[in-house]
């Protein structure tokens, strides 16, 4: 047998554990530094076909905070995110109000009173060649 003492075994085990913990620590550090804190939000939403929205309809969209309006002249949309601090506004009997700070907007998203300084943001609607509506929030 070779001269491999208990002290050599403990030294080898200790060094192995130190190297393993260093490798795991560096791996964790690299993962931490590579982490994307705020991934880019989705900016295009497929709303289905235009036939799903009859003329004179006002639809609160479930997958994006927005209001889709279909009139005789076409489609329009506006964001339901308050221009003051980014809260989602809530529908009431005559328009929308911000639950955070009390800004008030009419049924078409125009500012009636603040603290918000601007009306709700208009969004772009696009028609695809197969008659589908695409909402752009950027």
N, C-alpha and C. Protein backbone atom coordinates (compact mmCIF):
# COMPACT_ATOMS: atom_id res chain seq x y z
N UNK A 1 0.83 -1.18 0.00
CA UNK A 1 0.00 0.00 0.00
C UNK A 1 0.88 1.24 0.00
N UNK A 2 0.31 2.32 -0.48
CA UNK A 2 1.07 3.56 -0.51
C UNK A 2 0.91 4.29 0.82
N UNK A 3 1.73 5.29 0.99
CA UNK A 3 1.67 6.08 2.22
C UNK A 3 0.66 7.22 2.05
N UNK A 4 -0.59 6.92 2.11
CA UNK A 4 -1.65 7.92 1.99
C UNK A 4 -2.32 8.01 3.36
N UNK A 5 -1.94 9.03 4.09
CA UNK A 5 -2.40 9.13 5.48
C UNK A 5 -3.76 9.79 5.55
N UNK A 6 -4.30 9.74 6.75
CA UNK A 6 -5.57 10.40 7.00
C UNK A 6 -5.43 11.90 6.78
N UNK A 7 -4.31 12.47 7.14
CA UNK A 7 -4.08 13.90 6.95
C UNK A 7 -4.07 14.25 5.45
N UNK A 8 -3.47 13.41 4.60
CA UNK A 8 -3.47 13.64 3.15
C UNK A 8 -4.89 13.56 2.59
N UNK A 9 -5.65 12.61 3.08
CA UNK A 9 -7.03 12.46 2.63
C UNK A 9 -7.85 13.70 2.99
N UNK A 10 -7.73 14.19 4.21
CA UNK A 10 -8.48 15.38 4.64
C UNK A 10 -8.04 16.62 3.85
N UNK A 11 -6.73 16.71 3.55
CA UNK A 11 -6.23 17.85 2.78
C UNK A 11 -6.79 17.80 1.35
N UNK A 12 -6.82 16.64 0.74
CA UNK A 12 -7.36 16.47 -0.60
C UNK A 12 -8.87 16.79 -0.62
N UNK A 13 -9.59 16.32 0.36
CA UNK A 13 -11.03 16.58 0.46
C UNK A 13 -11.29 18.07 0.64
N UNK A 14 -10.55 18.71 1.52
CA UNK A 14 -10.71 20.15 1.75
C UNK A 14 -10.45 20.94 0.47
N UNK A 15 -9.35 20.62 -0.23
CA UNK A 15 -9.04 21.33 -1.48
C UNK A 15 -10.12 21.10 -2.54
N UNK A 16 -10.63 19.90 -2.62
CA UNK A 16 -11.71 19.60 -3.58
C UNK A 16 -12.96 20.41 -3.28
N UNK A 17 -13.33 20.49 -2.00
CA UNK A 17 -14.51 21.25 -1.61
C UNK A 17 -14.30 22.74 -1.89
N UNK A 18 -13.10 23.26 -1.62
CA UNK A 18 -12.81 24.66 -1.89
C UNK A 18 -12.90 24.98 -3.38
N UNK A 19 -12.32 24.10 -4.22
CA UNK A 19 -12.39 24.32 -5.67
C UNK A 19 -13.83 24.23 -6.18
N UNK A 20 -14.58 23.29 -5.67
CA UNK A 20 -15.98 23.14 -6.08
C UNK A 20 -16.80 24.37 -5.68
N UNK A 21 -16.62 24.84 -4.44
CA UNK A 21 -17.37 26.02 -4.00
C UNK A 21 -16.95 27.26 -4.78
N UNK A 22 -15.68 27.39 -5.13
CA UNK A 22 -15.23 28.52 -5.94
C UNK A 22 -15.87 28.47 -7.33
N UNK A 23 -15.92 27.29 -7.93
CA UNK A 23 -16.52 27.15 -9.26
C UNK A 23 -18.02 27.48 -9.21
N UNK A 24 -18.72 26.99 -8.19
CA UNK A 24 -20.15 27.28 -8.06
C UNK A 24 -20.38 28.77 -7.79
N UNK A 25 -19.54 29.36 -6.98
CA UNK A 25 -19.66 30.79 -6.69
C UNK A 25 -19.45 31.64 -7.92
N UNK A 26 -18.43 31.31 -8.72
CA UNK A 26 -18.19 32.05 -9.95
C UNK A 26 -19.33 31.86 -10.94
N UNK A 27 -19.85 30.64 -11.02
CA UNK A 27 -21.00 30.39 -11.90
C UNK A 27 -22.19 31.23 -11.48
N UNK A 28 -22.45 31.30 -10.19
CA UNK A 28 -23.55 32.13 -9.69
C UNK A 28 -23.31 33.61 -9.96
N UNK A 29 -22.08 34.06 -9.81
CA UNK A 29 -21.74 35.45 -10.08
C UNK A 29 -21.98 35.79 -11.55
N UNK A 30 -21.55 34.91 -12.46
CA UNK A 30 -21.77 35.15 -13.88
C UNK A 30 -23.25 35.17 -14.22
N UNK A 31 -24.02 34.28 -13.63
CA UNK A 31 -25.47 34.29 -13.86
C UNK A 31 -26.08 35.58 -13.33
N UNK A 32 -25.64 36.04 -12.18
CA UNK A 32 -26.15 37.29 -11.61
C UNK A 32 -25.84 38.48 -12.50
N UNK A 33 -24.61 38.55 -13.01
CA UNK A 33 -24.21 39.67 -13.85
C UNK A 33 -24.88 39.62 -15.22
N UNK A 34 -25.30 38.46 -15.67
CA UNK A 34 -25.94 38.30 -16.97
C UNK A 34 -27.45 38.47 -16.88
N UNK A 35 -28.03 38.62 -15.70
CA UNK A 35 -29.47 38.69 -15.50
C UNK A 35 -30.03 39.96 -16.10
N UNK A 36 -31.12 39.85 -16.87
CA UNK A 36 -31.80 41.01 -17.43
C UNK A 36 -32.96 41.36 -16.50
N UNK A 37 -32.82 42.46 -15.77
CA UNK A 37 -33.78 42.81 -14.72
C UNK A 37 -35.17 43.08 -15.26
N UNK A 38 -35.29 43.84 -16.31
CA UNK A 38 -36.59 44.19 -16.87
C UNK A 38 -36.63 43.81 -18.34
N UNK A 39 -37.11 42.61 -18.65
CA UNK A 39 -37.18 42.24 -20.06
C UNK A 39 -38.13 43.18 -20.80
N UNK A 40 -37.86 43.39 -22.05
CA UNK A 40 -38.68 44.30 -22.84
C UNK A 40 -40.11 43.79 -22.90
N UNK A 41 -41.09 44.65 -22.61
CA UNK A 41 -42.48 44.21 -22.66
C UNK A 41 -42.93 44.00 -24.10
N UNK A 42 -43.93 43.19 -24.24
CA UNK A 42 -44.51 42.92 -25.55
C UNK A 42 -45.14 44.21 -26.08
N UNK A 43 -44.94 44.53 -27.34
CA UNK A 43 -45.46 45.77 -27.88
C UNK A 43 -46.50 45.55 -28.98
N UNK A 44 -46.69 44.33 -29.43
CA UNK A 44 -47.69 44.03 -30.46
C UNK A 44 -48.65 42.99 -29.92
N UNK A 45 -49.95 43.26 -30.10
CA UNK A 45 -50.97 42.35 -29.61
C UNK A 45 -51.94 42.05 -30.74
N UNK A 46 -52.16 40.78 -31.00
CA UNK A 46 -53.12 40.35 -32.01
C UNK A 46 -54.51 40.38 -31.38
N UNK A 47 -55.40 41.20 -31.92
CA UNK A 47 -56.74 41.36 -31.35
C UNK A 47 -57.79 40.53 -32.06
N UNK A 48 -57.39 39.73 -33.03
CA UNK A 48 -58.36 38.92 -33.77
C UNK A 48 -58.85 39.66 -35.00
N UNK A 49 -59.95 39.19 -35.54
CA UNK A 49 -60.48 39.79 -36.76
C UNK A 49 -61.32 41.02 -36.43
N UNK A 50 -61.43 41.90 -37.41
CA UNK A 50 -62.21 43.13 -37.23
C UNK A 50 -63.68 42.82 -37.04
N UNK A 51 -64.14 41.69 -37.53
CA UNK A 51 -65.55 41.30 -37.39
C UNK A 51 -65.93 41.05 -35.92
N UNK A 52 -64.95 40.82 -35.06
CA UNK A 52 -65.23 40.59 -33.63
C UNK A 52 -65.67 41.87 -32.92
N UNK A 53 -65.48 43.03 -33.55
CA UNK A 53 -65.76 44.31 -32.93
C UNK A 53 -66.77 45.07 -33.78
N UNK A 54 -68.06 45.02 -33.42
CA UNK A 54 -69.08 45.70 -34.22
C UNK A 54 -68.90 47.22 -34.20
N UNK A 55 -69.47 47.89 -35.20
CA UNK A 55 -69.41 49.35 -35.26
C UNK A 55 -70.12 49.93 -34.04
N UNK A 56 -69.60 51.02 -33.53
CA UNK A 56 -70.09 51.72 -32.32
C UNK A 56 -69.77 50.95 -31.04
N UNK A 57 -68.79 50.05 -31.10
CA UNK A 57 -68.42 49.31 -29.89
C UNK A 57 -67.21 49.95 -29.23
N UNK A 58 -67.16 49.80 -27.92
CA UNK A 58 -66.02 50.25 -27.10
C UNK A 58 -65.63 49.04 -26.27
N UNK A 59 -64.43 48.50 -26.51
CA UNK A 59 -64.02 47.25 -25.89
C UNK A 59 -62.81 47.47 -24.99
N UNK A 60 -62.95 47.11 -23.72
CA UNK A 60 -61.79 47.09 -22.81
C UNK A 60 -61.02 45.81 -23.10
N UNK A 61 -59.78 45.94 -23.48
CA UNK A 61 -58.98 44.77 -23.85
C UNK A 61 -58.41 44.11 -22.60
N UNK A 62 -58.49 42.80 -22.55
CA UNK A 62 -58.07 42.06 -21.36
C UNK A 62 -56.57 41.85 -21.29
N UNK A 63 -55.92 41.61 -22.43
CA UNK A 63 -54.50 41.26 -22.41
C UNK A 63 -53.56 42.46 -22.39
N UNK A 64 -54.09 43.67 -22.58
CA UNK A 64 -53.28 44.89 -22.53
C UNK A 64 -54.19 45.99 -21.99
N UNK A 65 -53.70 46.85 -21.10
CA UNK A 65 -54.58 47.91 -20.59
C UNK A 65 -54.85 48.96 -21.67
N UNK A 66 -55.92 48.73 -22.43
CA UNK A 66 -56.27 49.64 -23.52
C UNK A 66 -57.75 49.56 -23.81
N UNK A 67 -58.26 50.60 -24.48
CA UNK A 67 -59.65 50.66 -24.92
C UNK A 67 -59.64 50.72 -26.44
N UNK A 68 -60.36 49.80 -27.08
CA UNK A 68 -60.48 49.76 -28.53
C UNK A 68 -61.85 50.32 -28.90
N UNK A 69 -61.87 51.27 -29.81
CA UNK A 69 -63.11 51.92 -30.23
C UNK A 69 -63.28 51.69 -31.73
N UNK A 70 -64.48 51.21 -32.12
CA UNK A 70 -64.78 51.01 -33.52
C UNK A 70 -65.93 51.94 -33.88
N UNK A 71 -65.66 52.90 -34.76
CA UNK A 71 -66.68 53.84 -35.22
C UNK A 71 -66.85 53.67 -36.72
N UNK A 72 -67.76 54.45 -37.28
CA UNK A 72 -67.98 54.42 -38.73
C UNK A 72 -66.70 54.77 -39.49
N UNK A 73 -65.86 55.61 -38.90
CA UNK A 73 -64.64 56.04 -39.58
C UNK A 73 -63.47 55.07 -39.39
N UNK A 74 -63.63 54.03 -38.59
CA UNK A 74 -62.58 53.04 -38.41
C UNK A 74 -62.30 52.74 -36.95
N UNK A 75 -61.12 52.19 -36.73
CA UNK A 75 -60.71 51.79 -35.38
C UNK A 75 -59.75 52.80 -34.78
N UNK A 76 -59.85 52.97 -33.48
CA UNK A 76 -58.87 53.75 -32.73
C UNK A 76 -58.71 53.09 -31.37
N UNK A 77 -57.63 53.42 -30.70
CA UNK A 77 -57.37 52.84 -29.38
C UNK A 77 -56.56 53.82 -28.56
N UNK A 78 -56.73 53.73 -27.24
CA UNK A 78 -55.90 54.51 -26.35
C UNK A 78 -55.54 53.67 -25.14
N UNK A 79 -54.42 54.01 -24.55
CA UNK A 79 -53.88 53.28 -23.41
C UNK A 79 -54.68 53.62 -22.16
N UNK A 80 -54.79 52.67 -21.24
CA UNK A 80 -55.44 52.90 -19.96
C UNK A 80 -54.41 53.07 -18.85
N UNK A 81 -53.20 53.43 -19.22
CA UNK A 81 -52.14 53.71 -18.25
C UNK A 81 -52.08 55.22 -18.03
N UNK A 82 -52.25 55.64 -16.79
CA UNK A 82 -52.29 57.06 -16.45
C UNK A 82 -50.95 57.71 -16.80
N UNK A 83 -51.03 58.91 -17.37
CA UNK A 83 -49.82 59.62 -17.79
C UNK A 83 -49.12 60.29 -16.62
N UNK A 84 -49.70 60.23 -15.43
CA UNK A 84 -49.07 60.86 -14.26
C UNK A 84 -47.98 59.95 -13.71
N UNK A 85 -48.34 58.79 -13.17
CA UNK A 85 -47.34 57.89 -12.58
C UNK A 85 -47.47 56.45 -13.06
N UNK A 86 -48.28 56.18 -14.08
CA UNK A 86 -48.33 54.86 -14.67
C UNK A 86 -49.32 53.88 -14.07
N UNK A 87 -50.25 54.33 -13.24
CA UNK A 87 -51.28 53.44 -12.70
C UNK A 87 -52.27 53.11 -13.82
N UNK A 88 -52.97 52.00 -13.69
CA UNK A 88 -54.01 51.65 -14.65
C UNK A 88 -55.30 52.34 -14.23
N UNK A 89 -55.88 53.13 -15.14
CA UNK A 89 -57.10 53.85 -14.82
C UNK A 89 -58.28 52.88 -14.81
N UNK A 90 -59.34 53.26 -14.10
CA UNK A 90 -60.53 52.43 -13.97
C UNK A 90 -61.71 53.11 -14.63
N UNK A 91 -62.55 52.30 -15.26
CA UNK A 91 -63.75 52.82 -15.94
C UNK A 91 -64.77 53.21 -14.89
N UNK A 92 -65.45 54.33 -15.11
CA UNK A 92 -66.60 54.72 -14.30
C UNK A 92 -67.72 55.11 -15.24
N UNK A 93 -68.79 55.70 -14.74
CA UNK A 93 -69.96 55.98 -15.57
C UNK A 93 -69.71 56.98 -16.69
N UNK A 94 -68.86 57.99 -16.52
CA UNK A 94 -68.63 58.98 -17.58
C UNK A 94 -67.26 58.93 -18.22
N UNK A 95 -66.37 58.11 -17.76
CA UNK A 95 -65.02 58.08 -18.32
C UNK A 95 -64.12 57.16 -17.52
N UNK A 96 -62.95 57.69 -17.17
CA UNK A 96 -61.94 56.90 -16.46
C UNK A 96 -61.34 57.74 -15.35
N UNK A 97 -61.06 57.12 -14.22
CA UNK A 97 -60.36 57.82 -13.16
C UNK A 97 -59.18 56.99 -12.69
N UNK A 98 -58.14 57.70 -12.25
CA UNK A 98 -56.94 57.04 -11.75
C UNK A 98 -57.13 56.78 -10.25
N UNK A 99 -57.03 55.53 -9.82
CA UNK A 99 -57.24 55.23 -8.40
C UNK A 99 -56.08 55.68 -7.53
N UNK A 100 -54.92 55.97 -8.11
CA UNK A 100 -53.75 56.33 -7.32
C UNK A 100 -53.77 57.79 -6.86
N UNK A 101 -54.03 58.72 -7.79
CA UNK A 101 -53.91 60.13 -7.43
C UNK A 101 -55.09 60.97 -7.89
N UNK A 102 -56.13 60.37 -8.46
CA UNK A 102 -57.36 61.10 -8.75
C UNK A 102 -57.44 61.81 -10.08
N UNK A 103 -56.56 61.55 -11.02
CA UNK A 103 -56.72 62.16 -12.34
C UNK A 103 -58.01 61.64 -12.95
N UNK A 104 -58.64 62.46 -13.78
CA UNK A 104 -59.91 62.08 -14.37
C UNK A 104 -59.87 62.33 -15.87
N UNK A 105 -60.34 61.34 -16.65
CA UNK A 105 -60.31 61.39 -18.11
C UNK A 105 -61.72 61.12 -18.62
N UNK A 106 -62.08 61.72 -19.77
CA UNK A 106 -63.40 61.46 -20.34
C UNK A 106 -63.40 60.10 -21.03
N UNK A 107 -64.52 59.74 -21.66
CA UNK A 107 -64.69 58.42 -22.27
C UNK A 107 -63.75 58.20 -23.45
N UNK A 108 -63.18 59.26 -24.01
CA UNK A 108 -62.23 59.16 -25.13
C UNK A 108 -60.79 59.32 -24.69
N UNK A 109 -60.53 59.36 -23.38
CA UNK A 109 -59.18 59.43 -22.86
C UNK A 109 -58.62 60.83 -22.73
N UNK A 110 -59.43 61.86 -22.94
CA UNK A 110 -58.94 63.24 -22.83
C UNK A 110 -58.94 63.65 -21.36
N UNK A 111 -57.90 64.34 -20.96
CA UNK A 111 -57.74 64.77 -19.57
C UNK A 111 -58.79 65.81 -19.19
N UNK A 112 -59.49 65.57 -18.08
CA UNK A 112 -60.44 66.54 -17.56
C UNK A 112 -59.86 67.28 -16.36
N UNK A 113 -59.21 66.57 -15.44
CA UNK A 113 -58.46 67.23 -14.37
C UNK A 113 -57.38 66.31 -13.84
N UNK A 114 -56.31 66.92 -13.34
CA UNK A 114 -55.08 66.23 -12.97
C UNK A 114 -55.07 65.71 -11.57
N UNK A 115 -53.91 65.27 -11.18
CA UNK A 115 -52.56 65.80 -11.39
C UNK A 115 -51.89 65.40 -12.70
N UNK A 116 -52.46 64.49 -13.48
CA UNK A 116 -51.85 64.17 -14.78
C UNK A 116 -51.82 65.43 -15.64
N UNK A 117 -50.81 65.57 -16.46
CA UNK A 117 -50.67 66.75 -17.30
C UNK A 117 -51.10 66.50 -18.74
N UNK A 118 -51.23 65.22 -19.13
CA UNK A 118 -51.57 64.89 -20.52
C UNK A 118 -52.73 63.90 -20.56
N UNK A 119 -53.40 63.86 -21.69
CA UNK A 119 -54.46 62.88 -21.92
C UNK A 119 -53.86 61.49 -22.04
N UNK A 120 -54.72 60.47 -22.01
CA UNK A 120 -54.24 59.10 -22.19
C UNK A 120 -53.65 58.96 -23.59
N UNK A 121 -52.63 58.14 -23.72
CA UNK A 121 -51.85 58.02 -24.95
C UNK A 121 -52.62 57.23 -26.01
N UNK A 122 -52.67 57.77 -27.24
CA UNK A 122 -53.27 57.06 -28.37
C UNK A 122 -52.35 55.94 -28.80
N UNK A 123 -52.96 54.83 -29.22
CA UNK A 123 -52.20 53.66 -29.68
C UNK A 123 -52.49 53.43 -31.15
N UNK A 124 -51.56 52.79 -31.81
CA UNK A 124 -51.66 52.55 -33.26
C UNK A 124 -52.30 51.19 -33.51
N UNK A 125 -53.26 51.16 -34.46
CA UNK A 125 -53.92 49.93 -34.89
C UNK A 125 -53.49 49.65 -36.32
N UNK A 126 -53.16 48.39 -36.59
CA UNK A 126 -52.72 47.99 -37.93
C UNK A 126 -53.61 46.84 -38.40
N UNK A 127 -53.96 46.86 -39.68
CA UNK A 127 -54.69 45.75 -40.30
C UNK A 127 -53.70 44.88 -41.05
N UNK A 128 -53.78 43.58 -40.87
CA UNK A 128 -52.95 42.67 -41.65
C UNK A 128 -53.69 42.29 -42.93
N UNK A 129 -53.00 41.61 -43.82
CA UNK A 129 -53.62 41.24 -45.09
C UNK A 129 -54.75 40.23 -44.91
N UNK A 130 -54.77 39.51 -43.81
CA UNK A 130 -55.85 38.54 -43.57
C UNK A 130 -56.92 39.10 -42.62
N UNK A 131 -57.09 40.45 -42.62
CA UNK A 131 -58.16 41.13 -41.88
C UNK A 131 -58.05 41.02 -40.36
N UNK A 132 -56.86 40.85 -39.83
CA UNK A 132 -56.67 40.81 -38.39
C UNK A 132 -56.21 42.18 -37.89
N UNK A 133 -56.56 42.50 -36.65
CA UNK A 133 -56.16 43.75 -36.03
C UNK A 133 -54.94 43.52 -35.16
N UNK A 134 -53.94 44.37 -35.31
CA UNK A 134 -52.74 44.33 -34.48
C UNK A 134 -52.65 45.66 -33.74
N UNK A 135 -52.56 45.60 -32.40
CA UNK A 135 -52.44 46.79 -31.58
C UNK A 135 -50.96 46.98 -31.26
N UNK A 136 -50.44 48.18 -31.51
CA UNK A 136 -49.04 48.51 -31.23
C UNK A 136 -49.02 49.47 -30.04
N UNK A 137 -48.27 49.10 -29.00
CA UNK A 137 -48.20 49.94 -27.81
C UNK A 137 -46.93 50.77 -27.73
N UNK A 138 -46.04 50.65 -28.69
CA UNK A 138 -44.79 51.42 -28.65
C UNK A 138 -44.93 52.76 -29.33
